[in-house]
């Protein structure tokens, strides 16, 4: 495990993560920080604990929406969705590569 220093809404935190997972943790921290700052800046919710709960509820709702029974990703884990997206990128890159010579 390694230690990673991050800041969320101006408050420093030291978090532990596995080696090689730093980028994913930083991305999660940035996402959470953006969500919490947006809630704070809207001025409707006061107190860091309430802001954190509101952000967590919003993020949980997003996650649950991806698991919708009738949604395009129903029954899939986030990892499986990421794998599908990576496969799509590979197909698109291969399809668009010949087009680069045209421009």
Foldseek 3Di string as FASTA:
>chain_A
DDWDWDDAPNRIDIDDDDPPCVVVVVVVRVVLSVQLVVVVVVVPDDDSVRSSVVSVVVVVVVLVVLCDCPDPNHPHDPVVVVVVVVVVVVVVCVVCVVVVVVD
